[in-house]
Amino acid sequence: LLEKDSLDLAIEELEIHADEFNGYTGGEVAQFGLASAYF
């Protein structure tokens, strides 16, 4: 979704994963992707 510039949907999706998997590799990547979407 981020790559397709569907930013609101990407933020919604990545917020969930960043919170659910905080501390795991994927959770940190989700947070990075979330920051990218906000940017």
All heavy atoms as atom14 arrays in JSON, in Angstrom:
{
  "sequence": "LLEKDSLDLAIEELEIHADEFNGYTGGEVAQFGLASAYF",
  "atom14_mask": [
    [1, 1, 1, 1, 1, 1, 1, 1, 0, 0, 0, 0, 0, 0],
    [1, 1, 1, 1, 1, 1, 1, 1, 0, 0, 0, 0, 0, 0],
    [1, 1, 1, 1, 1, 1, 1, 1, 1, 0, 0, 0, 0, 0],
    [1, 1, 1, 1, 1, 1, 1, 1, 1, 0, 0, 0, 0, 0],
    [1, 1, 1, 1, 1, 1, 1, 1, 0, 0, 0, 0, 0, 0],
    [1, 1, 1, 1, 1, 1, 0, 0, 0, 0, 0, 0, 0, 0],
    [1, 1, 1, 1, 1, 1, 1, 1, 0, 0, 0, 0, 0, 0],
    [1, 1, 1, 1, 1, 1, 1, 1, 0, 0, 0, 0, 0, 0],
    [1, 1, 1, 1, 1, 1, 1, 1, 0, 0, 0, 0, 0, 0],
    [1, 1, 1, 1, 1, 0, 0, 0, 0, 0, 0, 0, 0, 0],
    [1, 1, 1, 1, 1, 1, 1, 1, 0, 0, 0, 0, 0, 0],
    [1, 1, 1, 1, 1, 1, 1, 1, 1, 0, 0, 0, 0, 0],
    [1, 1, 1, 1, 1, 1, 1, 1, 1, 0, 0, 0, 0, 0],
    [1, 1, 1, 1, 1, 1, 1, 1, 0, 0, 0, 0, 0, 0],
    [1, 1, 1, 1, 1, 1, 1, 1, 1, 0, 0, 0, 0, 0],
    [1, 1, 1, 1, 1, 1, 1, 1, 0, 0, 0, 0, 0, 0],
    [1, 1, 1, 1, 1, 1, 1, 1, 1, 1, 0, 0, 0, 0],
    [1, 1, 1, 1, 1, 0, 0, 0, 0, 0, 0, 0, 0, 0],
    [1, 1, 1, 1, 1, 1, 1, 1, 0, 0, 0, 0, 0, 0],
    [1, 1, 1, 1, 1, 1, 1, 1, 1, 0, 0, 0, 0, 0],
    [1, 1, 1, 1, 1, 1, 1, 1, 1, 1, 1, 0, 0, 0],
    [1, 1, 1, 1, 1, 1, 1, 1, 0, 0, 0, 0, 0, 0],
    [1, 1, 1, 1, 0, 0, 0, 0, 0, 0, 0, 0, 0, 0],
    [1, 1, 1, 1, 1, 1, 1, 1, 1, 1, 1, 1, 0, 0],
    [1, 1, 1, 1, 1, 1, 1, 0, 0, 0, 0, 0, 0, 0],
    [1, 1, 1, 1, 0, 0, 0, 0, 0, 0, 0, 0, 0, 0],
    [1, 1, 1, 1, 0, 0, 0, 0, 0, 0, 0, 0, 0, 0],
    [1, 1, 1, 1, 1, 1, 1, 1, 1, 0, 0, 0, 0, 0],
    [1, 1, 1, 1, 1, 1, 1, 0, 0, 0, 0, 0, 0, 0],
    [1, 1, 1, 1, 1, 0, 0, 0, 0, 0, 0, 0, 0, 0],
    [1, 1, 1, 1, 1, 1, 1, 1, 1, 0, 0, 0, 0, 0],
    [1, 1, 1, 1, 1, 1, 1, 1, 1, 1, 1, 0, 0, 0],
    [1, 1, 1, 1, 0, 0, 0, 0, 0, 0, 0, 0, 0, 0],
    [1, 1, 1, 1, 1, 1, 1, 1, 0, 0, 0, 0, 0, 0],
    [1, 1, 1, 1, 1, 0, 0, 0, 0, 0, 0, 0, 0, 0],
    [1, 1, 1, 1, 1, 1, 0, 0, 0, 0, 0, 0, 0, 0],
    [1, 1, 1, 1, 1, 0, 0, 0, 0, 0, 0, 0, 0, 0],
    [1, 1, 1, 1, 1, 1, 1, 1, 1, 1, 1, 1, 0, 0],
    [1, 1, 1, 1, 1, 1, 1, 1, 1, 1, 1, 0, 0, 0]
  ],
  "atom14_positions": [
    [[0.83, -1.2, 0.0], [0.0, 0.0, 0.0], [0.87, 1.26, 0.0], [0.56, 2.25, -0.67], [-0.92, 0.0, 1.23], [-2.06, -1.03, 1.21], [-2.7, -1.13, 2.6], [-3.11, -0.64, 0.17], [0.0, 0.0, 0.0], [0.0, 0.0, 0.0], [0.0, 0.0, 0.0], [0.0, 0.0, 0.0], [0.0, 0.0, 0.0], [0.0, 0.0, 0.0]],
    [[1.97, 1.2, 0.74], [2.89, 2.32, 0.78], [3.5, 2.56, -0.59], [3.59, 3.7, -1.06], [3.99, 2.05, 1.81], [5.11, 3.1, 1.94], [4.54, 4.44, 2.35], [6.15, 2.62, 2.94], [0.0, 0.0, 0.0], [0.0, 0.0, 0.0], [0.0, 0.0, 0.0], [0.0, 0.0, 0.0], [0.0, 0.0, 0.0], [0.0, 0.0, 0.0]],
    [[3.91, 1.5, -1.25], [4.51, 1.62, -2.58], [3.51, 2.15, -3.61], [3.89, 2.82, -4.57], [5.04, 0.25, -3.03], [6.25, -0.22, -2.25], [7.44, 0.71, -2.41], [7.8, 1.0, -3.55], [7.98, 1.16, -1.39], [0.0, 0.0, 0.0], [0.0, 0.0, 0.0], [0.0, 0.0, 0.0], [0.0, 0.0, 0.0], [0.0, 0.0, 0.0]],
    [[2.22, 1.87, -3.38], [1.18, 2.34, -4.3], [0.67, 3.72, -3.93], [-0.26, 4.23, -4.56], [0.01, 1.35, -4.32], [0.36, 0.0, -4.94], [-0.84, -0.95, -4.88], [-0.5, -2.3, -5.49], [-1.64, -3.24, -5.42], [0.0, 0.0, 0.0], [0.0, 0.0, 0.0], [0.0, 0.0, 0.0], [0.0, 0.0, 0.0], [0.0, 0.0, 0.0]],
    [[1.26, 4.33, -2.89], [0.85, 5.65, -2.41], [-0.58, 5.67, -1.87], [-1.21, 6.73, -1.84], [1.0, 6.72, -3.5], [2.47, 7.08, -3.74], [3.27, 6.96, -2.79], [2.81, 7.49, -4.86], [0.0, 0.0, 0.0], [0.0, 0.0, 0.0], [0.0, 0.0, 0.0], [0.0, 0.0, 0.0], [0.0, 0.0, 0.0], [0.0, 0.0, 0.0]],
    [[-1.07, 4.5, -1.44], [-2.35, 4.47, -0.72], [-2.03, 4.74, 0.75], [-2.06, 3.84, 1.6], [-3.02, 3.1, -0.9], [-3.28, 2.84, -2.26], [0.0, 0.0, 0.0], [0.0, 0.0, 0.0], [0.0, 0.0, 0.0], [0.0, 0.0, 0.0], [0.0, 0.0, 0.0], [0.0, 0.0, 0.0], [0.0, 0.0, 0.0], [0.0, 0.0, 0.0]],
    [[-1.72, 6.0, 1.04], [-1.06, 6.33, 2.29], [-1.94, 6.14, 3.53], [-1.47, 5.66, 4.56], [-0.53, 7.76, 2.23], [0.49, 8.02, 1.1], [0.95, 9.47, 1.11], [1.68, 7.08, 1.23], [0.0, 0.0, 0.0], [0.0, 0.0, 0.0], [0.0, 0.0, 0.0], [0.0, 0.0, 0.0], [0.0, 0.0, 0.0], [0.0, 0.0, 0.0]],
    [[-3.2, 6.54, 3.45], [-4.08, 6.38, 4.62], [-4.26, 4.91, 4.97], [-4.23, 4.53, 6.16], [-5.44, 7.03, 4.37], [-5.34, 8.55, 4.33], [-4.45, 9.11, 5.02], [-6.15, 9.18, 3.62], [0.0, 0.0, 0.0], [0.0, 0.0, 0.0], [0.0, 0.0, 0.0], [0.0, 0.0, 0.0], [0.0, 0.0, 0.0], [0.0, 0.0, 0.0]],
    [[-4.45, 4.08, 3.95], [-4.6, 2.64, 4.19], [-3.29, 2.04, 4.69], [-3.29, 1.17, 5.57], [-5.04, 1.94, 2.9], [-6.45, 2.24, 2.42], [-6.71, 1.59, 1.06], [-7.48, 1.75, 3.44], [0.0, 0.0, 0.0], [0.0, 0.0, 0.0], [0.0, 0.0, 0.0], [0.0, 0.0, 0.0], [0.0, 0.0, 0.0], [0.0, 0.0, 0.0]],
    [[-2.17, 2.51, 4.14], [-0.86, 2.02, 4.59], [-0.63, 2.36, 6.05], [-0.15, 1.53, 6.83], [0.24, 2.62, 3.72], [0.0, 0.0, 0.0], [0.0, 0.0, 0.0], [0.0, 0.0, 0.0], [0.0, 0.0, 0.0], [0.0, 0.0, 0.0], [0.0, 0.0, 0.0], [0.0, 0.0, 0.0], [0.0, 0.0, 0.0], [0.0, 0.0, 0.0]],
    [[-0.97, 3.6, 6.44], [-0.8, 4.02, 7.83], [-1.64, 3.16, 8.76], [-1.17, 2.69, 9.8], [-1.16, 5.51, 7.98], [-0.06, 6.37, 7.33], [-1.34, 5.89, 9.44], [-0.41, 7.84, 7.22], [0.0, 0.0, 0.0], [0.0, 0.0, 0.0], [0.0, 0.0, 0.0], [0.0, 0.0, 0.0], [0.0, 0.0, 0.0], [0.0, 0.0, 0.0]],
    [[-2.89, 2.93, 8.37], [-3.78, 2.11, 9.19], [-3.22, 0.7, 9.38], [-3.22, 0.14, 10.48], [-5.16, 2.05, 8.53], [-6.19, 1.25, 9.3], [-7.55, 1.24, 8.62], [-7.79, 2.1, 7.73], [-8.37, 0.37, 8.97], [0.0, 0.0, 0.0], [0.0, 0.0, 0.0], [0.0, 0.0, 0.0], [0.0, 0.0, 0.0], [0.0, 0.0, 0.0]],
    [[-2.72, 0.13, 8.3], [-2.19, -1.23, 8.33], [-0.89, -1.31, 9.13], [-0.71, -2.18, 9.99], [-1.94, -1.71, 6.9], [-1.59, -3.18, 6.76], [-2.81, -4.07, 6.79], [-3.95, -3.58, 6.66], [-2.62, -5.3, 6.94], [0.0, 0.0, 0.0], [0.0, 0.0, 0.0], [0.0, 0.0, 0.0], [0.0, 0.0, 0.0], [0.0, 0.0, 0.0]],
    [[0.01, -0.38, 8.87], [1.32, -0.44, 9.49], [1.29, -0.07, 10.97], [2.1, -0.57, 11.75], [2.28, 0.49, 8.74], [2.63, 0.03, 7.32], [3.33, 1.14, 6.54], [3.5, -1.23, 7.35], [0.0, 0.0, 0.0], [0.0, 0.0, 0.0], [0.0, 0.0, 0.0], [0.0, 0.0, 0.0], [0.0, 0.0, 0.0], [0.0, 0.0, 0.0]],
    [[0.35, 0.77, 11.37], [0.21, 1.1, 12.79], [-0.1, -0.15, 13.6], [0.43, -0.35, 14.69], [-0.91, 2.13, 12.98], [-0.49, 3.56, 12.74], [-1.61, 4.54, 12.98], [-2.79, 4.12, 12.96], [-1.33, 5.73, 13.18], [0.0, 0.0, 0.0], [0.0, 0.0, 0.0], [0.0, 0.0, 0.0], [0.0, 0.0, 0.0], [0.0, 0.0, 0.0]],
    [[-0.96, -0.99, 13.05], [-1.33, -2.23, 13.73], [-0.13, -3.13, 13.91], [0.13, -3.64, 15.01], [-2.44, -2.97, 12.94], [-3.73, -2.14, 12.93], [-2.69, -4.35, 13.53], [-4.79, -2.68, 11.99], [0.0, 0.0, 0.0], [0.0, 0.0, 0.0], [0.0, 0.0, 0.0], [0.0, 0.0, 0.0], [0.0, 0.0, 0.0], [0.0, 0.0, 0.0]],
    [[0.64, -3.33, 12.85], [1.77, -4.25, 12.9], [2.93, -3.69, 13.73], [3.62, -4.44, 14.41], [2.23, -4.6, 11.49], [1.18, -5.29, 10.67], [0.41, -6.31, 11.18], [0.75, -5.08, 9.4], [-0.45, -6.72, 10.25], [-0.26, -5.99, 9.17], [0.0, 0.0, 0.0], [0.0, 0.0, 0.0], [0.0, 0.0, 0.0], [0.0, 0.0, 0.0]],
    [[3.12, -2.38, 13.67], [4.18, -1.77, 14.46], [3.92, -1.96, 15.95], [4.84, -2.2, 16.74], [4.3, -0.28, 14.13], [0.0, 0.0, 0.0], [0.0, 0.0, 0.0], [0.0, 0.0, 0.0], [0.0, 0.0, 0.0], [0.0, 0.0, 0.0], [0.0, 0.0, 0.0], [0.0, 0.0, 0.0], [0.0, 0.0, 0.0], [0.0, 0.0, 0.0]],
    [[2.66, -1.87, 16.32], [2.3, -2.05, 17.73], [2.3, -3.52, 18.13], [2.84, -3.89, 19.17], [0.91, -1.45, 17.98], [0.48, -1.56, 19.43], [1.15, -0.97, 20.29], [-0.52, -2.25, 19.7], [0.0, 0.0, 0.0], [0.0, 0.0, 0.0], [0.0, 0.0, 0.0], [0.0, 0.0, 0.0], [0.0, 0.0, 0.0], [0.0, 0.0, 0.0]],
    [[1.73, -4.37, 17.29], [1.6, -5.79, 17.63], [2.94, -6.49, 17.69], [3.15, -7.38, 18.53], [0.71, -6.48, 16.59], [0.46, -7.96, 16.88], [-0.49, -8.59, 15.88], [-0.96, -7.87, 14.97], [-0.74, -9.8, 16.01], [0.0, 0.0, 0.0], [0.0, 0.0, 0.0], [0.0, 0.0, 0.0], [0.0, 0.0, 0.0], [0.0, 0.0, 0.0]],
    [[3.87, -6.11, 16.82], [5.16, -6.81, 16.75], [6.33, -5.9, 17.15], [7.43, -6.04, 16.65], [5.38, -7.35, 15.34], [4.38, -8.41, 14.96], [3.36, -8.13, 14.07], [4.46, -9.68, 15.52], [2.43, -9.11, 13.72], [3.53, -10.66, 15.17], [2.52, -10.37, 14.28], [0.0, 0.0, 0.0], [0.0, 0.0, 0.0], [0.0, 0.0, 0.0]],
    [[6.04, -4.99, 18.06], [7.09, -4.1, 18.56], [8.23, -4.92, 19.16], [8.02, -5.81, 19.98], [6.51, -3.18, 19.64], [7.53, -2.18, 20.14], [8.39, -1.73, 19.4], [7.44, -1.84, 21.41], [0.0, 0.0, 0.0], [0.0, 0.0, 0.0], [0.0, 0.0, 0.0], [0.0, 0.0, 0.0], [0.0, 0.0, 0.0], [0.0, 0.0, 0.0]],
    [[9.46, -4.64, 18.74], [10.62, -5.38, 19.22], [11.09, -6.47, 18.29], [12.22, -6.93, 18.4], [0.0, 0.0, 0.0], [0.0, 0.0, 0.0], [0.0, 0.0, 0.0], [0.0, 0.0, 0.0], [0.0, 0.0, 0.0], [0.0, 0.0, 0.0], [0.0, 0.0, 0.0], [0.0, 0.0, 0.0], [0.0, 0.0, 0.0], [0.0, 0.0, 0.0]],
    [[10.23, -6.89, 17.39], [10.61, -7.88, 16.37], [11.01, -7.14, 15.09], [10.64, -5.99, 14.88], [9.46, -8.84, 16.08], [9.16, -9.77, 17.23], [8.14, -9.47, 18.13], [9.9, -10.93, 17.43], [7.85, -10.31, 19.19], [9.63, -11.78, 18.49], [8.6, -11.47, 19.37], [8.33, -12.29, 20.43], [0.0, 0.0, 0.0], [0.0, 0.0, 0.0]],
    [[11.76, -7.83, 14.25], [12.24, -7.2, 13.02], [11.1, -6.59, 12.22], [11.17, -5.43, 11.8], [12.98, -8.24, 12.14], [14.07, -8.77, 12.89], [13.49, -7.6, 10.87], [0.0, 0.0, 0.0], [0.0, 0.0, 0.0], [0.0, 0.0, 0.0], [0.0, 0.0, 0.0], [0.0, 0.0, 0.0], [0.0, 0.0, 0.0], [0.0, 0.0, 0.0]],
    [[10.05, -7.37, 12.01], [8.93, -6.88, 11.21], [8.24, -5.68, 11.82], [7.76, -4.79, 11.11], [0.0, 0.0, 0.0], [0.0, 0.0, 0.0], [0.0, 0.0, 0.0], [0.0, 0.0, 0.0], [0.0, 0.0, 0.0], [0.0, 0.0, 0.0], [0.0, 0.0, 0.0], [0.0, 0.0, 0.0], [0.0, 0.0, 0.0], [0.0, 0.0, 0.0]],
    [[8.17, -5.66, 13.15], [7.55, -4.53, 13.83], [8.34, -3.24, 13.63], [7.76, -2.16, 13.43], [0.0, 0.0, 0.0], [0.0, 0.0, 0.0], [0.0, 0.0, 0.0], [0.0, 0.0, 0.0], [0.0, 0.0, 0.0], [0.0, 0.0, 0.0], [0.0, 0.0, 0.0], [0.0, 0.0, 0.0], [0.0, 0.0, 0.0], [0.0, 0.0, 0.0]],
    [[9.67, -3.36, 13.67], [10.51, -2.19, 13.45], [10.44, -1.73, 12.0], [10.44, -0.53, 11.71], [11.95, -2.49, 13.85], [12.12, -2.89, 15.32], [11.58, -1.84, 16.28], [11.88, -0.65, 16.1], [10.84, -2.22, 17.21], [0.0, 0.0, 0.0], [0.0, 0.0, 0.0], [0.0, 0.0, 0.0], [0.0, 0.0, 0.0], [0.0, 0.0, 0.0]],
    [[10.37, -2.69, 11.07], [10.22, -2.34, 9.66], [8.87, -1.67, 9.43], [8.77, -0.7, 8.67], [10.37, -3.58, 8.76], [10.02, -3.25, 7.32], [11.78, -4.13, 8.84], [0.0, 0.0, 0.0], [0.0, 0.0, 0.0], [0.0, 0.0, 0.0], [0.0, 0.0, 0.0], [0.0, 0.0, 0.0], [0.0, 0.0, 0.0], [0.0, 0.0, 0.0]],
    [[7.83, -2.17, 10.11], [6.51, -1.55, 9.99], [6.56, -0.1, 10.47], [5.95, 0.79, 9.87], [5.48, -2.34, 10.8], [0.0, 0.0, 0.0], [0.0, 0.0, 0.0], [0.0, 0.0, 0.0], [0.0, 0.0, 0.0], [0.0, 0.0, 0.0], [0.0, 0.0, 0.0], [0.0, 0.0, 0.0], [0.0, 0.0, 0.0], [0.0, 0.0, 0.0]],
    [[7.29, 0.15, 11.54], [7.39, 1.51, 12.06], [8.15, 2.42, 11.1], [7.8, 3.58, 10.91], [8.07, 1.5, 13.43], [7.92, 2.8, 14.18], [8.19, 2.65, 15.66], [8.09, 1.56, 16.22], [8.52, 3.74, 16.31], [0.0, 0.0, 0.0], [0.0, 0.0, 0.0], [0.0, 0.0, 0.0], [0.0, 0.0, 0.0], [0.0, 0.0, 0.0]],
    [[9.19, 1.86, 10.48], [9.92, 2.62, 9.46], [9.01, 2.94, 8.28], [9.0, 4.06, 7.76], [11.13, 1.81, 9.0], [11.93, 2.47, 7.91], [12.76, 3.55, 8.17], [11.85, 2.01, 6.59], [13.49, 4.16, 7.16], [12.58, 2.61, 5.59], [13.4, 3.68, 5.87], [0.0, 0.0, 0.0], [0.0, 0.0, 0.0], [0.0, 0.0, 0.0]],
    [[8.23, 1.94, 7.85], [7.28, 2.16, 6.76], [6.22, 3.18, 7.14], [5.81, 4.01, 6.32], [0.0, 0.0, 0.0], [0.0, 0.0, 0.0], [0.0, 0.0, 0.0], [0.0, 0.0, 0.0], [0.0, 0.0, 0.0], [0.0, 0.0, 0.0], [0.0, 0.0, 0.0], [0.0, 0.0, 0.0], [0.0, 0.0, 0.0], [0.0, 0.0, 0.0]],
    [[5.79, 3.14, 8.41], [4.81, 4.09, 8.91], [5.36, 5.51, 8.84], [4.67, 6.45, 8.4], [4.44, 3.73, 10.34], [3.37, 4.57, 11.04], [2.05, 4.51, 10.28], [3.18, 4.07, 12.48], [0.0, 0.0, 0.0], [0.0, 0.0, 0.0], [0.0, 0.0, 0.0], [0.0, 0.0, 0.0], [0.0, 0.0, 0.0], [0.0, 0.0, 0.0]],
    [[6.61, 5.68, 9.25], [7.26, 7.0, 9.17], [7.34, 7.46, 7.71], [7.13, 8.64, 7.41], [8.64, 6.94, 9.79], [0.0, 0.0, 0.0], [0.0, 0.0, 0.0], [0.0, 0.0, 0.0], [0.0, 0.0, 0.0], [0.0, 0.0, 0.0], [0.0, 0.0, 0.0], [0.0, 0.0, 0.0], [0.0, 0.0, 0.0], [0.0, 0.0, 0.0]],
    [[7.64, 6.52, 6.81], [7.72, 6.85, 5.38], [6.37, 7.34, 4.87], [6.31, 8.28, 4.07], [8.16, 5.62, 4.58], [9.42, 5.17, 5.0], [0.0, 0.0, 0.0], [0.0, 0.0, 0.0], [0.0, 0.0, 0.0], [0.0, 0.0, 0.0], [0.0, 0.0, 0.0], [0.0, 0.0, 0.0], [0.0, 0.0, 0.0], [0.0, 0.0, 0.0]],
    [[5.29, 6.69, 5.32], [3.95, 7.09, 4.89], [3.61, 8.49, 5.4], [3.06, 9.32, 4.66], [2.92, 6.08, 5.39], [0.0, 0.0, 0.0], [0.0, 0.0, 0.0], [0.0, 0.0, 0.0], [0.0, 0.0, 0.0], [0.0, 0.0, 0.0], [0.0, 0.0, 0.0], [0.0, 0.0, 0.0], [0.0, 0.0, 0.0], [0.0, 0.0, 0.0]],
    [[3.94, 8.76, 6.66], [3.7, 10.1, 7.19], [4.49, 11.15, 6.4], [3.99, 12.24, 6.12], [4.1, 10.17, 8.67], [3.13, 9.5, 9.62], [3.59, 8.62, 10.6], [1.77, 9.77, 9.57], [2.71, 8.01, 11.48], [0.88, 9.16, 10.44], [1.36, 8.29, 11.4], [0.49, 7.69, 12.28], [0.0, 0.0, 0.0], [0.0, 0.0, 0.0]],
    [[5.73, 10.8, 6.08], [6.57, 11.74, 5.32], [5.96, 12.02, 3.95], [5.88, 13.17, 3.51], [7.98, 11.18, 5.16], [8.92, 12.11, 4.46], [9.61, 13.08, 5.17], [9.11, 12.04, 3.09], [10.47, 13.97, 4.52], [9.95, 12.92, 2.43], [10.64, 13.89, 3.15], [0.0, 0.0, 0.0], [0.0, 0.0, 0.0], [0.0, 0.0, 0.0]]
  ]
}
